[in-house]
C-alpha cells in the first residue's frame, strides 16, 4: 500500500516524510510563555507541553519536510496514537 502524499499547508508542494530523532530522551514541544512558572513548565502541571516521542515507544517522531518553503510539519495525533491508547493523553486542549 502506497503512503498518502502530504501537501504543504503553506505552499502546496508535496512534502517528504522523515523522522526527528531524540536520542535516548523524549521529544517535547514547550510553550515559551514565561508567565507559566518554572514548575508548571518543567512538570507540565497545566498540560500545555506536547510530548512528541516517548523513550519506551521509539525515540523519534514522524515529520514532514517541505523543501520548497523549508518548513517541518509534525502530526501529533499520528505520532502518539499508540501511547494515547495505552496511557491516555497528556495534552490539554483549550
Protein backbone atom coordinates (compact mmCIF):
# COMPACT_ATOMS: atom_id res chain seq x y z
CA UNK A 1 0.00 0.00 0.00
CA UNK A 2 1.40 3.35 -1.05
CA UNK A 3 1.72 6.08 1.57
CA UNK A 4 -0.53 9.10 1.21
CA UNK A 5 1.18 12.19 -0.13
CA UNK A 6 1.20 15.09 2.33
CA UNK A 7 0.85 18.57 0.83
CA UNK A 8 2.50 21.54 2.49
CA UNK A 9 -0.19 23.76 4.05
CA UNK A 10 1.91 26.84 3.23
CA UNK A 11 2.93 26.40 -0.43
CA UNK A 12 1.04 23.28 -1.59
CA UNK A 13 4.09 21.25 -2.66
CA UNK A 14 4.45 17.56 -1.76
CA UNK A 15 6.36 17.05 1.50
CA UNK A 16 8.98 14.38 2.25
CA UNK A 17 8.32 12.03 5.16
CA UNK A 18 11.11 11.54 7.67
CA UNK A 19 11.79 11.41 11.39
CA UNK A 20 13.15 13.72 14.07
CA UNK A 21 15.27 11.70 16.47
CA UNK A 22 15.52 12.31 20.19
CA UNK A 23 18.49 10.08 21.14
CA UNK A 24 17.54 8.49 24.47
CA UNK A 25 15.05 11.06 25.77
CA UNK A 26 11.52 12.10 24.90
CA UNK A 27 11.00 14.97 22.49
CA UNK A 28 8.79 17.79 23.78
CA UNK A 29 7.31 20.98 22.43
CA UNK A 30 7.28 23.54 25.24
CA UNK A 31 5.45 26.83 25.41
CA UNK A 32 7.79 29.81 25.69
CA UNK A 33 5.28 31.74 27.83
CA UNK A 34 7.36 32.96 30.76
CA UNK A 35 4.23 33.52 32.89
CA UNK A 36 3.69 29.75 33.33
CA UNK A 37 6.34 29.41 36.01
CA UNK A 38 9.25 27.02 36.23
CA UNK A 39 7.47 24.06 37.87
CA UNK A 40 4.39 24.27 35.65
CA UNK A 41 6.61 24.18 32.59
CA UNK A 42 9.05 21.55 33.84
CA UNK A 43 6.46 19.13 35.23
CA UNK A 44 3.74 20.02 32.69
CA UNK A 45 1.28 20.66 35.54
CA UNK A 46 -1.00 22.72 33.31
CA UNK A 47 -0.82 20.16 30.44
CA UNK A 48 0.40 22.71 27.86
CA UNK A 49 3.60 20.92 26.83
CA UNK A 50 3.22 18.43 23.98
CA UNK A 51 5.20 15.19 24.03
CA UNK A 52 6.32 14.26 20.50
CA UNK A 53 8.01 10.95 21.34
CA UNK A 54 8.36 8.57 24.26
CA UNK A 55 11.57 6.81 25.30
CA UNK A 56 9.97 3.36 25.51
CA UNK A 57 7.92 3.58 22.27
CA UNK A 58 10.59 4.91 19.95
CA UNK A 59 12.81 7.92 20.37
CA UNK A 60 11.66 9.73 17.26
CA UNK A 61 8.60 11.36 15.81
CA UNK A 62 7.40 11.27 12.22
CA UNK A 63 7.71 14.63 10.50
CA UNK A 64 7.21 16.02 7.00
CA UNK A 65 9.68 18.39 5.37
CA UNK A 66 8.79 20.90 2.68
CA UNK A 67 11.91 21.68 0.74
CA UNK A 68 10.11 24.49 -1.09
CA UNK A 69 9.39 26.72 1.90
CA UNK A 70 11.70 24.99 4.41
CA UNK A 71 9.04 24.10 6.99
CA UNK A 72 8.61 20.94 9.06
CA UNK A 73 5.16 19.58 9.91
CA UNK A 74 4.57 17.18 12.84
CA UNK A 75 1.24 15.38 13.19
CA UNK A 76 0.90 14.93 16.96
CA UNK A 77 -2.04 12.53 16.68
CA UNK A 78 -0.16 10.28 14.23
CA UNK A 79 2.91 10.13 16.48
CA UNK A 80 1.06 9.48 19.73
CA UNK A 81 -1.74 7.13 18.61
CA UNK A 82 -0.38 4.03 20.41
CA UNK A 83 0.62 5.99 23.50
CA UNK A 84 -2.82 7.56 23.89
CA UNK A 85 -4.43 4.14 23.55
CA UNK A 86 -2.26 2.72 26.34
CA UNK A 87 -1.78 5.70 28.66
CA UNK A 88 -4.24 8.44 27.71
CA UNK A 89 -3.41 11.94 26.55
CA UNK A 90 -1.04 14.33 28.30
CA UNK A 91 -2.24 17.29 26.23
CA UNK A 92 -4.77 19.84 27.42
CA UNK A 93 -6.68 21.45 24.55
CA UNK A 94 -8.06 24.91 25.44
